[in-house]
């Protein structure tokens, strides 16, 4: 019962973070939610018994891609003359 509840909570969290990442008005918040989604997806892969995919998702999906997206948001804000909030 506890395992099922955890899996349902994980699935709901994945859906919530994906929707929040797609509908975020601020690019910075969208990137943060993308990273949260990647970390939750890594946890889902680990729950499914695929530790190699979980490590790849955490390292590439959340880590590297998140850092590159943060850099892109910084460059966009610098070009538009806006300061980060």
Protein backbone atom coordinates (compact mmCIF):
# COMPACT_ATOMS: atom_id res chain seq x y z
CA UNK A 1 0.00 0.00 0.00
CA UNK A 2 2.79 2.42 0.89
CA UNK A 3 4.67 1.66 -2.33
CA UNK A 4 1.55 2.32 -4.40
CA UNK A 5 0.96 5.62 -2.61
CA UNK A 6 4.56 6.67 -3.28
CA UNK A 7 4.28 5.75 -6.95
CA UNK A 8 1.03 7.70 -7.31
CA UNK A 9 2.59 10.70 -5.57
CA UNK A 10 5.60 10.48 -7.89
CA UNK A 11 3.37 10.33 -10.97
CA UNK A 12 1.33 13.31 -9.77
CA UNK A 13 4.52 15.26 -9.03
CA UNK A 14 5.83 14.52 -12.52
CA UNK A 15 2.63 15.80 -14.11
CA UNK A 16 2.54 18.87 -11.86
CA UNK A 17 6.16 19.83 -12.58
CA UNK A 18 5.73 19.31 -16.34
CA UNK A 19 2.64 21.52 -16.44
CA UNK A 20 4.34 24.18 -14.30
CA UNK A 21 7.42 24.14 -16.54
CA UNK A 22 5.31 24.60 -19.67
CA UNK A 23 3.08 27.33 -18.28
CA UNK A 24 5.63 29.36 -16.30
CA UNK A 25 5.56 33.03 -17.36
CA UNK A 26 9.16 33.63 -16.28
CA UNK A 27 11.94 31.74 -18.13
CA UNK A 28 13.93 31.36 -14.89
CA UNK A 29 11.03 29.59 -13.19
CA UNK A 30 10.49 27.43 -16.25
CA UNK A 31 14.12 26.26 -16.10
CA UNK A 32 13.85 25.53 -12.37
CA UNK A 33 10.72 23.47 -12.97
CA UNK A 34 12.47 21.67 -15.85
CA UNK A 35 15.27 20.69 -13.47
CA UNK A 36 12.74 19.53 -10.87
CA UNK A 37 11.04 17.46 -13.56
CA UNK A 38 14.39 15.90 -14.54
CA UNK A 39 15.19 14.95 -10.96
CA UNK A 40 11.73 13.47 -10.44
CA UNK A 41 12.11 11.56 -13.71
CA UNK A 42 15.44 10.18 -12.46
CA UNK A 43 13.65 9.00 -9.33
CA UNK A 44 10.98 7.37 -11.49
CA UNK A 45 13.62 5.53 -13.51
CA UNK A 46 15.22 4.33 -10.29
CA UNK A 47 11.81 3.08 -9.06
CA UNK A 48 11.37 1.22 -12.35
CA UNK A 49 14.66 -0.59 -11.78
CA UNK A 50 16.81 1.21 -14.33
CA UNK A 51 19.65 2.80 -12.34
CA UNK A 52 21.71 3.49 -15.47
CA UNK A 53 18.91 5.57 -16.97
CA UNK A 54 18.32 7.27 -13.63
CA UNK A 55 21.95 8.39 -13.41
CA UNK A 56 21.96 9.55 -17.03
CA UNK A 57 18.74 11.52 -16.51
CA UNK A 58 20.05 13.17 -13.37
CA UNK A 59 23.43 14.03 -14.87
CA UNK A 60 22.43 15.04 -18.39
CA UNK A 61 18.73 15.86 -18.17
CA UNK A 62 18.73 17.84 -14.94
CA UNK A 63 22.38 18.79 -14.50
CA UNK A 64 23.93 19.65 -17.85
CA UNK A 65 20.78 20.74 -19.65
CA UNK A 66 19.71 22.83 -16.64
CA UNK A 67 23.06 24.60 -16.51
CA UNK A 68 22.92 25.37 -20.25
CA UNK A 69 19.36 26.66 -19.96
CA UNK A 70 20.32 28.89 -17.01
CA UNK A 71 23.15 30.30 -19.11
CA UNK A 72 20.73 30.93 -21.98
CA UNK A 73 18.30 32.74 -19.68
CA UNK A 74 21.18 34.90 -18.44
CA UNK A 75 22.16 35.82 -21.98
CA UNK A 76 18.56 36.61 -22.92
CA UNK A 77 18.19 38.89 -19.92
CA UNK A 78 21.48 40.61 -20.67
CA UNK A 79 20.43 41.27 -24.27
CA UNK A 80 17.05 42.65 -23.28
CA UNK A 81 18.55 44.88 -20.59
CA UNK A 82 16.46 43.37 -17.78
CA UNK A 83 17.96 42.56 -14.44
CA UNK A 84 17.27 39.20 -12.82
CA UNK A 85 14.55 39.26 -10.17
